[in-house]
Amino acid sequence: PWPPEQLEAITRAAAALCRHHGWTERSVIGHLEWQPGKVDPRGFTMAWLRERVRERLKD
């Protein structure tokens, strides 16, 4: 399992990159979505992370 602080850091970093580049949460992807054979991240889904990033981008 990922500690809550690390999940928050992942969310904040992804949102910061999206803001800087003018992207939406749809630009946040995991290795497993980009490269066949990759298995990460494990322990959470990218849909879950994108929802968190979407909420943070509202601020």
PDB file of N, CA and C in Angstrom:
ATOM      1  N   PRO A   1       0.819  -1.205   0.000  1.00  0.00           N
ATOM      2  CA  PRO A   1       0.000   0.000   0.000  1.00  0.00           C
ATOM      3  C   PRO A   1       0.863   1.271   0.000  1.00  0.00           C
ATOM      4  N   TRP A   2       0.318   2.291  -0.591  1.00  0.00           N
ATOM      5  CA  TRP A   2       0.991   3.581  -0.661  1.00  0.00           C
ATOM      6  C   TRP A   2       0.581   4.411   0.553  1.00  0.00           C
ATOM      7  N   PRO A   3       1.529   5.043   1.232  1.00  0.00           N
ATOM      8  CA  PRO A   3       1.153   5.928   2.338  1.00  0.00           C
ATOM      9  C   PRO A   3       0.341   7.110   1.816  1.00  0.00           C
ATOM     10  N   PRO A   4      -0.603   7.602   2.608  1.00  0.00           N
ATOM     11  CA  PRO A   4      -1.424   8.734   2.168  1.00  0.00           C
ATOM     12  C   PRO A   4      -0.595   9.936   1.714  1.00  0.00           C
ATOM     13  N   GLU A   5       0.520  10.176   2.384  1.00  0.00           N
ATOM     14  CA  GLU A   5       1.365  11.319   2.023  1.00  0.00           C
ATOM     15  C   GLU A   5       1.959  11.154   0.617  1.00  0.00           C
ATOM     16  N   GLN A   6       2.297   9.938   0.269  1.00  0.00           N
ATOM     17  CA  GLN A   6       2.864   9.703  -1.058  1.00  0.00           C
ATOM     18  C   GLN A   6       1.797   9.829  -2.140  1.00  0.00           C
ATOM     19  N   LEU A   7       0.600   9.351  -1.871  1.00  0.00           N
ATOM     20  CA  LEU A   7      -0.500   9.503  -2.828  1.00  0.00           C
ATOM     21  C   LEU A   7      -0.826  10.980  -3.031  1.00  0.00           C
ATOM     22  N   GLU A   8      -0.778  11.751  -1.956  1.00  0.00           N
ATOM     23  CA  GLU A   8      -1.013  13.193  -2.070  1.00  0.00           C
ATOM     24  C   GLU A   8       0.094  13.844  -2.900  1.00  0.00           C
ATOM     25  N   ALA A   9       1.328  13.425  -2.691  1.00  0.00           N
ATOM     26  CA  ALA A   9       2.449  13.987  -3.448  1.00  0.00           C
ATOM     27  C   ALA A   9       2.328  13.663  -4.935  1.00  0.00           C
ATOM     28  N   ILE A  10       1.921  12.447  -5.257  1.00  0.00           N
ATOM     29  CA  ILE A  10       1.725  12.064  -6.662  1.00  0.00           C
ATOM     30  C   ILE A  10       0.642  12.933  -7.287  1.00  0.00           C
ATOM     31  N   THR A  11      -0.442  13.109  -6.574  1.00  0.00           N
ATOM     32  CA  THR A  11      -1.544  13.936  -7.064  1.00  0.00           C
ATOM     33  C   THR A  11      -1.095  15.377  -7.292  1.00  0.00           C
ATOM     34  N   ARG A  12      -0.399  15.935  -6.322  1.00  0.00           N
ATOM     35  CA  ARG A  12       0.039  17.326  -6.425  1.00  0.00           C
ATOM     36  C   ARG A  12       1.036  17.523  -7.562  1.00  0.00           C
ATOM     37  N   ALA A  13       1.967  16.587  -7.705  1.00  0.00           N
ATOM     38  CA  ALA A  13       2.964  16.697  -8.783  1.00  0.00           C
ATOM     39  C   ALA A  13       2.294  16.600 -10.149  1.00  0.00           C
ATOM     40  N   ALA A  14       1.381  15.668 -10.305  1.00  0.00           N
ATOM     41  CA  ALA A  14       0.684  15.517 -11.586  1.00  0.00           C
ATOM     42  C   ALA A  14      -0.145  16.755 -11.898  1.00  0.00           C
ATOM     43  N   ALA A  15      -0.829  17.290 -10.901  1.00  0.00           N
ATOM     44  CA  ALA A  15      -1.634  18.495 -11.112  1.00  0.00           C
ATOM     45  C   ALA A  15      -0.756  19.691 -11.460  1.00  0.00           C
ATOM     46  N   ALA A  16       0.402  19.802 -10.822  1.00  0.00           N
ATOM     47  CA  ALA A  16       1.315  20.912 -11.115  1.00  0.00           C
ATOM     48  C   ALA A  16       1.798  20.844 -12.561  1.00  0.00           C
ATOM     49  N   LEU A  17       2.136  19.655 -13.024  1.00  0.00           N
ATOM     50  CA  LEU A  17       2.557  19.503 -14.423  1.00  0.00           C
ATOM     51  C   LEU A  17       1.422  19.860 -15.376  1.00  0.00           C
ATOM     52  N   CYS A  18       0.210  19.428 -15.037  1.00  0.00           N
ATOM     53  CA  CYS A  18      -0.945  19.751 -15.883  1.00  0.00           C
ATOM     54  C   CYS A  18      -1.163  21.261 -15.938  1.00  0.00           C
ATOM     55  N   ARG A  19      -1.107  21.918 -14.807  1.00  0.00           N
ATOM     56  CA  ARG A  19      -1.292  23.374 -14.786  1.00  0.00           C
ATOM     57  C   ARG A  19      -0.222  24.080 -15.618  1.00  0.00           C
ATOM     58  N   HIS A  20       1.013  23.680 -15.446  1.00  0.00           N
ATOM     59  CA  HIS A  20       2.126  24.323 -16.146  1.00  0.00           C
ATOM     60  C   HIS A  20       1.971  24.221 -17.665  1.00  0.00           C
ATOM     61  N   HIS A  21       1.503  23.065 -18.124  1.00  0.00           N
ATOM     62  CA  HIS A  21       1.395  22.833 -19.564  1.00  0.00           C
ATOM     63  C   HIS A  21       0.008  23.120 -20.133  1.00  0.00           C
ATOM     64  N   GLY A  22      -0.948  23.480 -19.262  1.00  0.00           N
ATOM     65  CA  GLY A  22      -2.305  23.734 -19.729  1.00  0.00           C
ATOM     66  C   GLY A  22      -3.053  22.461 -20.100  1.00  0.00           C
ATOM     67  N   TRP A  23      -2.703  21.363 -19.452  1.00  0.00           N
ATOM     68  CA  TRP A  23      -3.327  20.071 -19.726  1.00  0.00           C
ATOM     69  C   TRP A  23      -4.479  19.815 -18.764  1.00  0.00           C
ATOM     70  N   THR A  24      -5.290  18.838 -19.104  1.00  0.00           N
ATOM     71  CA  THR A  24      -6.316  18.337 -18.187  1.00  0.00           C
ATOM     72  C   THR A  24      -5.802  17.056 -17.555  1.00  0.00           C
ATOM     73  N   GLU A  25      -6.593  16.507 -16.673  1.00  0.00           N
ATOM     74  CA  GLU A  25      -6.223  15.235 -16.030  1.00  0.00           C
ATOM     75  C   GLU A  25      -6.088  14.095 -17.025  1.00  0.00           C
ATOM     76  N   ARG A  26      -6.646  14.257 -18.210  1.00  0.00           N
ATOM     77  CA  ARG A  26      -6.552  13.186 -19.212  1.00  0.00           C
ATOM     78  C   ARG A  26      -5.123  12.968 -19.694  1.00  0.00           C
ATOM     79  N   SER A  27      -4.254  13.920 -19.449  1.00  0.00           N
ATOM     80  CA  SER A  27      -2.852  13.765 -19.832  1.00  0.00           C
ATOM     81  C   SER A  27      -2.043  12.958 -18.820  1.00  0.00           C
ATOM     82  N   VAL A  28      -2.634  12.618 -17.704  1.00  0.00           N
ATOM     83  CA  VAL A  28      -1.950  11.834 -16.678  1.00  0.00           C
ATOM     84  C   VAL A  28      -2.120  10.356 -17.036  1.00  0.00           C
ATOM     85  N   ILE A  29      -0.990   9.705 -17.345  1.00  0.00           N
ATOM     86  CA  ILE A  29      -1.049   8.287 -17.712  1.00  0.00           C
ATOM     87  C   ILE A  29      -0.010   7.512 -16.914  1.00  0.00           C
ATOM     88  N   GLY A  30      -0.250   6.228 -16.788  1.00  0.00           N
ATOM     89  CA  GLY A  30       0.690   5.336 -16.107  1.00  0.00           C
ATOM     90  C   GLY A  30       1.491   4.532 -17.111  1.00  0.00           C
ATOM     91  N   HIS A  31       2.587   3.971 -16.642  1.00  0.00           N
ATOM     92  CA  HIS A  31       3.405   3.136 -17.520  1.00  0.00           C
ATOM     93  C   HIS A  31       2.576   2.064 -18.203  1.00  0.00           C
ATOM     94  N   LEU A  32       1.700   1.435 -17.438  1.00  0.00           N
ATOM     95  CA  LEU A  32       0.937   0.327 -17.996  1.00  0.00           C
ATOM     96  C   LEU A  32       0.014   0.758 -19.128  1.00  0.00           C
ATOM     97  N   GLU A  33      -0.342   2.022 -19.195  1.00  0.00           N
ATOM     98  CA  GLU A  33      -1.207   2.525 -20.269  1.00  0.00           C
ATOM     99  C   GLU A  33      -0.403   2.926 -21.500  1.00  0.00           C
ATOM    100  N   TRP A  34       0.904   3.100 -21.338  1.00  0.00           N
ATOM    101  CA  TRP A  34       1.741   3.619 -22.419  1.00  0.00           C
ATOM    102  C   TRP A  34       2.611   2.541 -23.036  1.00  0.00           C
ATOM    103  N   GLN A  35       3.200   1.705 -22.232  1.00  0.00           N
ATOM    104  CA  GLN A  35       4.171   0.738 -22.703  1.00  0.00           C
ATOM    105  C   GLN A  35       3.697  -0.688 -22.410  1.00  0.00           C
ATOM    106  N   PRO A  36       3.486  -1.498 -23.433  1.00  0.00           N
ATOM    107  CA  PRO A  36       3.109  -2.893 -23.188  1.00  0.00           C
ATOM    108  C   PRO A  36       4.157  -3.596 -22.312  1.00  0.00           C
ATOM    109  N   GLY A  37       3.682  -4.394 -21.403  1.00  0.00           N
ATOM    110  CA  GLY A  37       4.577  -5.129 -20.531  1.00  0.00           C
ATOM    111  C   GLY A  37       4.853  -4.448 -19.201  1.00  0.00           C
ATOM    112  N   LYS A  38       4.576  -3.168 -19.099  1.00  0.00           N
ATOM    113  CA  LYS A  38       4.769  -2.474 -17.828  1.00  0.00           C
ATOM    114  C   LYS A  38       3.585  -2.777 -16.919  1.00  0.00           C
ATOM    115  N   VAL A  39       3.819  -2.792 -15.635  1.00  0.00           N
ATOM    116  CA  VAL A  39       2.754  -3.164 -14.698  1.00  0.00           C
ATOM    117  C   VAL A  39       2.455  -2.075 -13.673  1.00  0.00           C
ATOM    118  N   ASP A  40       3.197  -0.972 -13.721  1.00  0.00           N
ATOM    119  CA  ASP A  40       2.975   0.021 -12.679  1.00  0.00           C
ATOM    120  C   ASP A  40       2.091   1.153 -13.180  1.00  0.00           C
ATOM    121  N   PRO A  41       1.384   1.794 -12.311  1.00  0.00           N
ATOM    122  CA  PRO A  41       1.470   1.656 -10.867  1.00  0.00           C
ATOM    123  C   PRO A  41       0.615   0.508 -10.364  1.00  0.00           C
ATOM    124  N   ARG A  42       0.976  -0.004  -9.236  1.00  0.00           N
ATOM    125  CA  ARG A  42       0.172  -1.015  -8.550  1.00  0.00           C
ATOM    126  C   ARG A  42      -0.351  -0.393  -7.265  1.00  0.00           C
ATOM    127  N   GLY A  43      -1.523  -0.822  -6.866  1.00  0.00           N
ATOM    128  CA  GLY A  43      -2.075  -0.344  -5.607  1.00  0.00           C
ATOM    129  C   GLY A  43      -3.114   0.750  -5.765  1.00  0.00           C
ATOM    130  N   PHE A  44      -3.180   1.358  -6.951  1.00  0.00           N
ATOM    131  CA  PHE A  44      -4.244   2.308  -7.262  1.00  0.00           C
ATOM    132  C   PHE A  44      -4.428   2.313  -8.768  1.00  0.00           C
ATOM    133  N   THR A  45      -5.586   2.781  -9.204  1.00  0.00           N
ATOM    134  CA  THR A  45      -5.842   2.835 -10.642  1.00  0.00           C
ATOM    135  C   THR A  45      -5.553   4.233 -11.159  1.00  0.00           C
ATOM    136  N   MET A  46      -5.261   4.312 -12.431  1.00  0.00           N
ATOM    137  CA  MET A  46      -5.027   5.610 -13.038  1.00  0.00           C
ATOM    138  C   MET A  46      -6.326   6.412 -13.091  1.00  0.00           C
ATOM    139  N   ALA A  47      -7.456   5.739 -13.229  1.00  0.00           N
ATOM    140  CA  ALA A  47      -8.742   6.449 -13.198  1.00  0.00           C
ATOM    141  C   ALA A  47      -8.921   7.143 -11.852  1.00  0.00           C
ATOM    142  N   TRP A  48      -8.551   6.470 -10.775  1.00  0.00           N
ATOM    143  CA  TRP A  48      -8.637   7.057  -9.433  1.00  0.00           C
ATOM    144  C   TRP A  48      -7.720   8.264  -9.327  1.00  0.00           C
ATOM    145  N   LEU A  49      -6.476   8.128  -9.811  1.00  0.00           N
ATOM    146  CA  LEU A  49      -5.533   9.241  -9.750  1.00  0.00           C
ATOM    147  C   LEU A  49      -6.005  10.406 -10.610  1.00  0.00           C
ATOM    148  N   ARG A  50      -6.490  10.128 -11.808  1.00  0.00           N
ATOM    149  CA  ARG A  50      -6.974  11.217 -12.669  1.00  0.00           C
ATOM    150  C   ARG A  50      -8.136  11.964 -12.026  1.00  0.00           C
ATOM    151  N   GLU A  51      -8.995  11.255 -11.318  1.00  0.00           N
ATOM    152  CA  GLU A  51     -10.103  11.927 -10.618  1.00  0.00           C
ATOM    153  C   GLU A  51      -9.565  12.855  -9.535  1.00  0.00           C
ATOM    154  N   ARG A  52      -8.561  12.404  -8.807  1.00  0.00           N
ATOM    155  CA  ARG A  52      -7.946  13.262  -7.777  1.00  0.00           C
ATOM    156  C   ARG A  52      -7.297  14.483  -8.406  1.00  0.00           C
ATOM    157  N   VAL A  53      -6.616  14.286  -9.536  1.00  0.00           N
ATOM    158  CA  VAL A  53      -5.969  15.412 -10.225  1.00  0.00           C
ATOM    159  C   VAL A  53      -7.032  16.369 -10.728  1.00  0.00           C
ATOM    160  N   ARG A  54      -8.124  15.838 -11.297  1.00  0.00           N
ATOM    161  CA  ARG A  54      -9.217  16.687 -11.788  1.00  0.00           C
ATOM    162  C   ARG A  54      -9.756  17.570 -10.672  1.00  0.00           C
ATOM    163  N   GLU A  55      -9.963  16.987  -9.504  1.00  0.00           N
ATOM    164  CA  GLU A  55     -10.462  17.768  -8.365  1.00  0.00           C
ATOM    165  C   GLU A  55      -9.457  18.837  -7.948  1.00  0.00           C
ATOM    166  N   ARG A  56      -8.180  18.512  -7.942  1.00  0.00           N
ATOM    167  CA  ARG A  56      -7.163  19.477  -7.540  1.00  0.00           C
ATOM    168  C   ARG A  56      -7.051  20.619  -8.565  1.00  0.00           C
ATOM    169  N   LEU A  57      -7.266  20.316  -9.832  1.00  0.00           N
ATOM    170  CA  LEU A  57      -7.186  21.342 -10.858  1.00  0.00           C
ATOM    171  C   LEU A  57      -8.319  22.350 -10.761  1.00  0.00           C
ATOM    172  N   LYS A  58      -9.376  22.025 -10.037  1.00  0.00           N
ATOM    173  CA  LYS A  58     -10.477  22.966  -9.833  1.00  0.00           C
ATOM    174  C   LYS A  58     -10.069  24.131  -8.942  1.00  0.00           C
ATOM    175  N   ASP A  59      -9.054  23.925  -8.103  1.00  0.00           N
ATOM    176  CA  ASP A  59      -8.608  24.959  -7.146  1.00  0.00           C
ATOM    177  C   ASP A  59      -7.924  26.110  -7.854  1.00  0.00           C
TER     178      ASP A  59
END
